[in-house]
Amino acid sequence: MGAVRNGQPADRLSVVYAVHVVEGGEQGFLEVYERIRKSVADVPGHIIDRLGEPIDDSRQWVITSEWETPEHFFAWQQGEDHQALVDPLREWVDHRQSLRYRVILETVGGKS
């Protein structure tokens, strides 16, 4: 295990996937995301997934996930089933961007 910061392993990986959903494609996008969400929940090293819905009319959604290590994420991403699982998103998304970063500090709100 690597270094520990704030009680969490310092080698944890966060992935941010920003997607622009095609006009009228929200329901199709949500159905595909639900399949992906259920599948990734059982992947070794996966900690959490979050789906962010836009609060304006931008159609810019955000999927975030956390992984115990980068190796866990890349093993899943490069696995045989990954491409078949995520390919259906292409029908509902006309632009996407993926960011990956190592979590080095985390601030959690506390109650005073």
C-alpha atoms as a PDB file:
ATOM      1  CA  MET A   1       0.000   0.000   0.000  1.00  0.00           C
ATOM      2  CA  GLY A   2       1.250   3.509  -0.764  1.00  0.00           C
ATOM      3  CA  ALA A   3       1.316   6.576   1.426  1.00  0.00           C
ATOM      4  CA  VAL A   4      -1.756   7.559   3.410  1.00  0.00           C
ATOM      5  CA  ARG A   5      -3.189  11.065   3.544  1.00  0.00           C
ATOM      6  CA  ASN A   6      -6.256  11.955   5.582  1.00  0.00           C
ATOM      7  CA  GLY A   7      -6.789   8.284   6.334  1.00  0.00           C
ATOM      8  CA  GLN A   8      -7.048   7.300   2.648  1.00  0.00           C
ATOM      9  CA  PRO A   9      -4.464   5.674   0.376  1.00  0.00           C
ATOM     10  CA  ALA A  10      -2.642   8.397  -1.569  1.00  0.00           C
ATOM     11  CA  ASP A  11      -2.631   6.331  -4.763  1.00  0.00           C
ATOM     12  CA  ARG A  12      -6.427   6.461  -5.176  1.00  0.00           C
ATOM     13  CA  LEU A  13      -7.552   7.523  -8.666  1.00  0.00           C
ATOM     14  CA  SER A  14     -10.422   9.818  -9.614  1.00  0.00           C
ATOM     15  CA  VAL A  15     -11.840   9.801 -13.115  1.00  0.00           C
ATOM     16  CA  VAL A  16     -14.011  12.608 -14.470  1.00  0.00           C
ATOM     17  CA  TYR A  17     -15.900  11.935 -17.671  1.00  0.00           C
ATOM     18  CA  ALA A  18     -17.671  15.007 -19.060  1.00  0.00           C
ATOM     19  CA  VAL A  19     -20.205  14.260 -21.776  1.00  0.00           C
ATOM     20  CA  HIS A  20     -22.445  16.443 -23.905  1.00  0.00           C
ATOM     21  CA  VAL A  21     -25.713  14.570 -24.419  1.00  0.00           C
ATOM     22  CA  VAL A  22     -27.422  15.050 -27.789  1.00  0.00           C
ATOM     23  CA  GLU A  23     -30.654  17.009 -27.780  1.00  0.00           C
ATOM     24  CA  GLY A  24     -33.492  14.722 -26.737  1.00  0.00           C
ATOM     25  CA  GLY A  25     -31.069  11.938 -25.788  1.00  0.00           C
ATOM     26  CA  GLU A  26     -31.289  12.173 -22.006  1.00  0.00           C
ATOM     27  CA  GLN A  27     -33.436   9.056 -21.513  1.00  0.00           C
ATOM     28  CA  GLY A  28     -31.267   6.896 -23.778  1.00  0.00           C
ATOM     29  CA  PHE A  29     -28.149   8.208 -22.060  1.00  0.00           C
ATOM     30  CA  LEU A  30     -29.582   7.414 -18.613  1.00  0.00           C
ATOM     31  CA  GLU A  31     -30.518   3.872 -19.672  1.00  0.00           C
ATOM     32  CA  VAL A  32     -26.991   3.168 -20.945  1.00  0.00           C
ATOM     33  CA  TYR A  33     -25.433   4.756 -17.867  1.00  0.00           C
ATOM     34  CA  GLU A  34     -27.569   2.521 -15.639  1.00  0.00           C
ATOM     35  CA  ARG A  35     -26.160  -0.597 -17.343  1.00  0.00           C
ATOM     36  CA  ILE A  36     -22.609   0.709 -16.962  1.00  0.00           C
ATOM     37  CA  ARG A  37     -23.198   1.684 -13.328  1.00  0.00           C
ATOM     38  CA  LYS A  38     -24.486  -1.757 -12.400  1.00  0.00           C
ATOM     39  CA  SER A  39     -21.604  -3.484 -14.174  1.00  0.00           C
ATOM     40  CA  VAL A  40     -18.793  -1.341 -12.749  1.00  0.00           C
ATOM     41  CA  ALA A  41     -20.109  -1.726  -9.181  1.00  0.00           C
ATOM     42  CA  ASP A  42     -18.682  -5.271  -9.109  1.00  0.00           C
ATOM     43  CA  VAL A  43     -15.275  -4.425 -10.575  1.00  0.00           C
ATOM     44  CA  PRO A  44     -12.330  -4.985  -8.194  1.00  0.00           C
ATOM     45  CA  GLY A  45     -10.910  -1.682  -6.961  1.00  0.00           C
ATOM     46  CA  HIS A  46     -13.992   0.380  -7.817  1.00  0.00           C
ATOM     47  CA  ILE A  47     -15.035   2.616  -4.908  1.00  0.00           C
ATOM     48  CA  ILE A  48     -17.854   4.865  -6.120  1.00  0.00           C
ATOM     49  CA  ASP A  49     -19.540   6.296  -9.201  1.00  0.00           C
ATOM     50  CA  ARG A  50     -21.472   9.554  -9.348  1.00  0.00           C
ATOM     51  CA  LEU A  51     -23.631  11.024 -12.099  1.00  0.00           C
ATOM     52  CA  GLY A  52     -24.057  14.783 -12.264  1.00  0.00           C
ATOM     53  CA  GLU A  53     -26.988  16.275 -14.163  1.00  0.00           C
ATOM     54  CA  PRO A  54     -26.668  19.820 -15.547  1.00  0.00           C
ATOM     55  CA  ILE A  55     -28.625  22.507 -13.724  1.00  0.00           C
ATOM     56  CA  ASP A  56     -28.917  24.593 -16.873  1.00  0.00           C
ATOM     57  CA  ASP A  57     -29.785  23.770 -20.481  1.00  0.00           C
ATOM     58  CA  SER A  58     -26.173  22.917 -21.433  1.00  0.00           C
ATOM     59  CA  ARG A  59     -26.772  19.128 -21.717  1.00  0.00           C
ATOM     60  CA  GLN A  60     -23.280  18.777 -20.146  1.00  0.00           C
ATOM     61  CA  TRP A  61     -23.379  15.775 -17.779  1.00  0.00           C
ATOM     62  CA  VAL A  62     -20.524  14.588 -15.567  1.00  0.00           C
ATOM     63  CA  ILE A  63     -19.690  11.043 -14.520  1.00  0.00           C
ATOM     64  CA  THR A  64     -17.115  10.702 -11.757  1.00  0.00           C
ATOM     65  CA  SER A  65     -15.651   7.550 -10.322  1.00  0.00           C
ATOM     66  CA  GLU A  66     -13.061   6.677  -7.732  1.00  0.00           C
ATOM     67  CA  TRP A  67     -10.740   3.685  -7.762  1.00  0.00           C
ATOM     68  CA  GLU A  68      -8.418   2.213  -5.144  1.00  0.00           C
ATOM     69  CA  THR A  69      -5.474   2.518  -7.557  1.00  0.00           C
ATOM     70  CA  PRO A  70      -4.876   3.575 -11.153  1.00  0.00           C
ATOM     71  CA  GLU A  71      -4.054  -0.064 -11.923  1.00  0.00           C
ATOM     72  CA  HIS A  72      -7.581  -1.152 -10.952  1.00  0.00           C
ATOM     73  CA  PHE A  73      -9.122   1.412 -13.307  1.00  0.00           C
ATOM     74  CA  PHE A  74      -6.823   0.615 -16.227  1.00  0.00           C
ATOM     75  CA  ALA A  75      -7.352  -3.122 -15.801  1.00  0.00           C
ATOM     76  CA  TRP A  76     -11.113  -2.531 -16.105  1.00  0.00           C
ATOM     77  CA  GLN A  77     -10.760  -0.045 -18.972  1.00  0.00           C
ATOM     78  CA  GLN A  78      -8.519  -2.386 -20.964  1.00  0.00           C
ATOM     79  CA  GLY A  79     -10.620  -5.467 -20.230  1.00  0.00           C
ATOM     80  CA  GLU A  80     -12.464  -7.391 -22.940  1.00  0.00           C
ATOM     81  CA  ASP A  81     -15.950  -6.274 -21.914  1.00  0.00           C
ATOM     82  CA  HIS A  82     -15.243  -2.571 -21.416  1.00  0.00           C
ATOM     83  CA  GLN A  83     -15.603  -1.402 -25.011  1.00  0.00           C
ATOM     84  CA  ALA A  84     -18.848  -3.310 -25.589  1.00  0.00           C
ATOM     85  CA  LEU A  85     -20.223  -1.855 -22.362  1.00  0.00           C
ATOM     86  CA  VAL A  86     -19.462   1.800 -23.148  1.00  0.00           C
ATOM     87  CA  ASP A  87     -19.936   1.830 -26.954  1.00  0.00           C
ATOM     88  CA  PRO A  88     -23.717   2.402 -26.698  1.00  0.00           C
ATOM     89  CA  LEU A  89     -22.988   5.816 -25.144  1.00  0.00           C
ATOM     90  CA  ARG A  90     -21.832   7.041 -28.567  1.00  0.00           C
ATOM     91  CA  GLU A  91     -25.443   7.122 -29.769  1.00  0.00           C
ATOM     92  CA  TRP A  92     -26.413   9.611 -27.035  1.00  0.00           C
ATOM     93  CA  VAL A  93     -23.254  11.710 -26.689  1.00  0.00           C
ATOM     94  CA  ASP A  94     -21.772  14.051 -29.285  1.00  0.00           C
ATOM     95  CA  HIS A  95     -18.746  15.220 -27.282  1.00  0.00           C
ATOM     96  CA  ARG A  96     -16.817  13.708 -24.386  1.00  0.00           C
ATOM     97  CA  GLN A  97     -13.697  14.385 -22.351  1.00  0.00           C
ATOM     98  CA  SER A  98     -11.986  12.154 -19.816  1.00  0.00           C
ATOM     99  CA  LEU A  99      -9.721  13.391 -17.033  1.00  0.00           C
ATOM    100  CA  ARG A 100      -7.838  11.139 -14.635  1.00  0.00           C
ATOM    101  CA  TYR A 101      -6.010  12.298 -11.560  1.00  0.00           C
ATOM    102  CA  ARG A 102      -4.468  10.946  -8.390  1.00  0.00           C
ATOM    103  CA  VAL A 103      -6.188  12.060  -5.189  1.00  0.00           C
ATOM    104  CA  ILE A 104      -3.521  13.649  -2.980  1.00  0.00           C
ATOM    105  CA  LEU A 105      -5.626  15.737  -0.586  1.00  0.00           C
ATOM    106  CA  GLU A 106      -9.239  15.551   0.460  1.00  0.00           C
ATOM    107  CA  THR A 107     -11.287  17.942   2.583  1.00  0.00           C
ATOM    108  CA  VAL A 108     -14.456  16.684   4.193  1.00  0.00           C
ATOM    109  CA  GLY A 109     -16.846  19.159   5.798  1.00  0.00           C
ATOM    110  CA  GLY A 110     -17.303  18.760   9.520  1.00  0.00           C
ATOM    111  CA  LYS A 111     -19.951  19.733  11.998  1.00  0.00           C
ATOM    112  CA  SER A 112     -18.909  22.313  14.568  1.00  0.00           C
END
